[in-house]
Amino acid sequence: MINIAIDGPAGAGKSSVAKAAAKQLGYIYVDTGALYRAIGVNALRHGFKTDDAEKIIPMLDNTKVELIYTDGIQRVILNGEDVSEEIRLPEASMAASNVSAIPEVRAFLLNLQRDIAKKNNVIMDGRDIGTVILPDAQYKFFLTASPEVRADRRYKELKEKGSDVDYNALLEEIIQRDYNDSHRKTAPLKQAEDAIFIDTSNLSFDDSVEAVVSKIR
């Protein structure tokens, strides 16, 4: 199976680029961040602080997260419920960052991610795909963009969905998440030594996708 890893910070366009590239190549797209968001949402539903490992680790015993594909579109199922929309809310983003720093959470989701890659040609995006999840992936990319560009993209995306959001708050959240993701003890965000670096700050979406697909082809 061909495995392609795309890593990078929040809001760099990994998911959108990976999804489009997977469609062009006929591969399955796996959004691993959605898995951590689902765990974060589950913790919020329980009323737990999302960095409280003592509460979240036991919660995993009664947590089931699945990825299903409908017409090629990934849906996230949490304990039998489709939470694909709920996990995209702003509070789910920081919750995901917090729970992903807990080693037991990462171990809980590791085999699920690897199992999908064993059985399918995949493009998988996240924070540690090329360094931890799929270290032997045939192709690895590290996508990034400036915090200001990422905040602006997120602001426009949420505005289009009708959300009442504040740009400065989004920028602050992205900067904080970058710090959390790159400074956590377990599987911190970093570029794999053999990954291709792509800065999308000044690239259009189509150019970003082409930068990935052309390398693979």
Protein backbone atom coordinates (compact mmCIF):
# COMPACT_ATOMS: atom_id res chain seq x y z
CA MET A 1 0.00 0.00 0.00
CA ILE A 2 1.13 3.55 -0.73
CA ASN A 3 1.15 5.74 2.37
CA ILE A 4 1.52 9.52 2.19
CA ALA A 5 2.06 11.58 5.34
CA ILE A 6 1.24 15.28 5.56
CA ASP A 7 2.16 17.06 8.78
CA GLY A 8 2.01 20.67 9.86
CA PRO A 9 0.51 23.15 12.33
CA ALA A 10 -3.18 23.96 12.76
CA GLY A 11 -4.73 25.87 9.88
CA ALA A 12 -1.93 25.25 7.37
CA GLY A 13 -4.37 23.71 4.92
CA LYS A 14 -3.28 20.11 5.48
CA SER A 15 -6.77 18.64 5.53
CA SER A 16 -8.05 20.51 2.47
CA VAL A 17 -4.90 19.80 0.47
CA ALA A 18 -4.75 16.16 1.54
CA LYS A 19 -8.44 15.66 0.73
CA ALA A 20 -8.07 17.15 -2.76
CA ALA A 21 -4.84 15.24 -3.45
CA ALA A 22 -6.43 11.97 -2.34
CA LYS A 23 -9.34 12.56 -4.71
CA GLN A 24 -6.98 13.16 -7.64
CA LEU A 25 -4.94 10.07 -6.84
CA GLY A 26 -7.86 7.82 -5.94
CA TYR A 27 -6.57 7.28 -2.38
CA ILE A 28 -8.42 7.31 0.94
CA TYR A 29 -8.02 10.51 2.93
CA VAL A 30 -7.52 10.09 6.68
CA ASP A 31 -7.90 13.18 8.87
CA THR A 32 -6.25 12.08 12.11
CA GLY A 33 -6.93 15.43 13.76
CA ALA A 34 -10.62 14.54 13.60
CA LEU A 35 -9.93 11.55 15.86
CA TYR A 36 -8.37 13.74 18.55
CA ARG A 37 -11.18 16.26 18.17
CA ALA A 38 -13.65 13.44 18.82
CA ILE A 39 -11.83 12.51 22.04
CA GLY A 40 -11.80 16.18 23.02
CA VAL A 41 -15.53 16.53 22.35
CA ASN A 42 -16.20 13.42 24.42
CA ALA A 43 -14.25 14.93 27.33
CA LEU A 44 -16.19 18.21 27.03
CA ARG A 45 -19.47 16.29 27.03
CA HIS A 46 -18.42 14.65 30.29
CA GLY A 47 -17.61 18.07 31.74
CA PHE A 48 -13.91 17.23 32.08
CA LYS A 49 -11.05 19.67 31.69
CA THR A 50 -9.42 18.50 28.47
CA ASP A 51 -5.94 18.43 29.98
CA ASP A 52 -7.06 16.35 32.99
CA ALA A 53 -5.39 13.01 32.25
CA GLU A 54 -6.73 11.42 35.43
CA LYS A 55 -10.29 11.87 34.16
CA ILE A 56 -9.69 11.32 30.45
CA ILE A 57 -7.65 8.08 30.60
CA PRO A 58 -10.45 6.08 32.33
CA MET A 59 -12.94 7.64 29.89
CA LEU A 60 -11.18 5.87 27.01
CA ASP A 61 -12.44 2.49 28.28
CA ASN A 62 -15.96 3.53 27.27
CA THR A 63 -15.04 5.44 24.13
CA LYS A 64 -15.32 4.13 20.59
CA VAL A 65 -14.17 6.25 17.66
CA GLU A 66 -14.61 5.13 14.06
CA LEU A 67 -13.95 6.58 10.63
CA ILE A 68 -16.42 5.69 7.93
CA TYR A 69 -16.44 6.80 4.31
CA THR A 70 -19.63 7.79 2.49
CA ASP A 71 -19.13 8.60 -1.21
CA GLY A 72 -15.45 9.10 -0.42
CA ILE A 73 -16.18 11.61 2.37
CA GLN A 74 -14.83 10.85 5.83
CA ARG A 75 -17.34 10.86 8.69
CA VAL A 76 -16.36 10.59 12.35
CA ILE A 77 -18.46 8.37 14.59
CA LEU A 78 -18.19 8.77 18.38
CA ASN A 79 -19.92 6.05 20.39
CA GLY A 80 -22.30 5.43 17.50
CA GLU A 81 -23.08 9.11 16.83
CA ASP A 82 -21.91 11.12 13.82
CA VAL A 83 -20.00 14.09 15.27
CA SER A 84 -18.41 15.27 12.01
CA GLU A 85 -19.90 18.77 12.37
CA GLU A 86 -19.51 19.16 16.14
CA ILE A 87 -15.77 18.45 16.04
CA ARG A 88 -15.25 21.47 13.78
CA LEU A 89 -16.40 23.97 16.41
CA PRO A 90 -13.61 26.25 17.78
CA GLU A 91 -13.76 24.73 21.29
CA ALA A 92 -13.06 21.30 19.80
CA SER A 93 -9.79 22.55 18.33
CA MET A 94 -8.18 23.45 21.67
CA ALA A 95 -9.70 20.37 23.28
CA ALA A 96 -7.97 18.25 20.63
CA SER A 97 -4.66 19.97 21.31
CA ASN A 98 -4.97 19.25 25.03
CA VAL A 99 -6.03 15.60 24.84
CA SER A 100 -3.42 14.86 22.18
CA ALA A 101 -0.70 15.67 24.72
CA ILE A 102 -1.82 12.68 26.82
CA PRO A 103 0.29 9.61 25.85
CA GLU A 104 -2.55 7.19 26.59
CA VAL A 105 -4.83 9.01 24.15
CA ARG A 106 -2.22 8.79 21.40
CA ALA A 107 -1.70 5.08 22.12
CA PHE A 108 -5.48 4.56 22.06
CA LEU A 109 -5.71 5.94 18.50
CA LEU A 110 -2.39 4.65 17.12
CA ASN A 111 -3.50 1.20 15.99
CA LEU A 112 -6.68 2.56 14.39
CA GLN A 113 -4.61 4.89 12.21
CA ARG A 114 -2.02 2.29 11.27
CA ASP A 115 -4.66 -0.33 10.52
CA ILE A 116 -6.30 1.93 7.95
CA ALA A 117 -2.91 2.55 6.30
CA LYS A 118 -2.13 -1.18 6.14
CA LYS A 119 -5.30 -1.94 4.21
CA ASN A 120 -5.55 1.10 1.88
CA ASN A 121 -3.60 3.57 -0.20
CA VAL A 122 -3.91 6.61 2.05
CA ILE A 123 -3.05 10.25 2.44
CA MET A 124 -2.99 10.86 6.18
CA ASP A 125 -2.56 14.27 7.76
CA GLY A 126 -1.83 15.31 11.33
CA ARG A 127 1.02 16.44 13.57
CA ASP A 128 3.18 13.31 13.86
CA ILE A 129 2.26 11.14 10.87
CA GLY A 130 5.68 11.12 9.25
CA THR A 131 7.57 10.96 12.54
CA VAL A 132 5.50 8.49 14.62
CA ILE A 133 2.36 7.05 13.00
CA LEU A 134 3.74 6.18 9.56
CA PRO A 135 7.53 6.60 9.79
CA ASP A 136 7.97 4.39 6.71
CA ALA A 137 5.53 6.32 4.52
CA GLN A 138 6.76 6.49 0.94
CA TYR A 139 6.09 10.22 0.73
CA LYS A 140 6.17 12.81 3.50
CA PHE A 141 5.27 16.49 3.42
CA PHE A 142 5.35 19.29 5.97
CA LEU A 143 2.85 22.06 5.18
CA THR A 144 2.90 25.36 7.02
CA ALA A 145 1.95 29.04 6.70
CA SER A 146 2.36 32.12 8.87
CA PRO A 147 0.04 32.33 11.93
CA GLU A 148 -1.58 35.46 10.46
CA VAL A 149 -2.40 33.72 7.17
CA ARG A 150 -3.76 30.68 8.99
CA ALA A 151 -5.94 32.81 11.27
CA ASP A 152 -7.29 34.72 8.26
CA ARG A 153 -8.18 31.50 6.44
CA ARG A 154 -9.94 30.12 9.50
CA TYR A 155 -11.78 33.41 10.03
CA LYS A 156 -13.14 33.40 6.48
CA GLU A 157 -14.07 29.72 6.69
CA LEU A 158 -16.07 30.20 9.89
CA LYS A 159 -17.69 33.41 8.64
CA GLU A 160 -18.92 31.57 5.53
CA LYS A 161 -20.57 29.05 7.85
CA GLY A 162 -22.33 31.86 9.68
CA SER A 163 -20.25 31.75 12.86
CA ASP A 164 -19.66 34.91 14.89
CA VAL A 165 -15.87 34.86 15.30
CA ASP A 166 -13.12 37.29 16.21
CA TYR A 167 -9.93 37.33 14.12
CA ASN A 168 -7.66 38.29 17.01
CA ALA A 169 -9.06 35.52 19.18
CA LEU A 170 -8.44 33.01 16.38
CA LEU A 171 -4.87 34.26 15.92
CA GLU A 172 -4.21 33.96 19.64
CA GLU A 173 -5.65 30.44 19.67
CA ILE A 174 -3.47 29.36 16.72
CA ILE A 175 -0.31 30.74 18.33
CA GLN A 176 -1.18 28.97 21.59
CA ARG A 177 -1.94 25.72 19.80
CA ASP A 178 1.35 25.91 17.87
CA TYR A 179 3.17 26.22 21.19
CA ASN A 180 1.21 23.36 22.78
CA ASP A 181 1.68 21.04 19.82
CA SER A 182 5.40 21.67 19.41
CA HIS A 183 6.27 21.56 23.14
CA ARG A 184 4.34 18.50 24.30
CA LYS A 185 6.47 15.61 25.58
CA THR A 186 4.75 12.93 23.52
CA ALA A 187 5.08 13.08 19.72
CA PRO A 188 5.53 16.86 19.40
CA LEU A 189 4.83 18.61 16.11
CA LYS A 190 8.00 18.65 14.04
CA GLN A 191 9.11 18.12 10.46
CA ALA A 192 10.36 14.63 9.62
CA GLU A 193 13.94 14.69 8.35
CA ASP A 194 12.88 13.24 4.99
CA ALA A 195 9.75 15.38 4.57
CA ILE A 196 9.29 17.90 1.76
CA PHE A 197 8.72 21.40 3.19
CA ILE A 198 5.93 23.48 1.61
CA ASP A 199 5.02 26.99 2.81
CA THR A 200 1.50 27.72 1.58
CA SER A 201 1.38 31.35 2.80
CA ASN A 202 1.62 32.74 -0.74
CA LEU A 203 0.23 29.74 -2.63
CA SER A 204 -3.31 29.40 -3.89
CA PHE A 205 -5.21 26.29 -2.86
CA ASP A 206 -4.79 24.72 -6.31
CA ASP A 207 -1.06 25.45 -6.29
CA SER A 208 -0.72 23.87 -2.85
CA VAL A 209 -2.45 20.70 -4.05
CA GLU A 210 -0.32 20.60 -7.19
CA ALA A 211 2.85 20.94 -5.11
CA VAL A 212 1.94 17.69 -3.35
CA VAL A 213 0.46 15.71 -6.24
CA SER A 214 3.25 16.56 -8.68
CA LYS A 215 5.88 15.21 -6.27
CA ILE A 216 3.98 11.93 -5.87
CA ARG A 217 3.36 11.50 -9.58
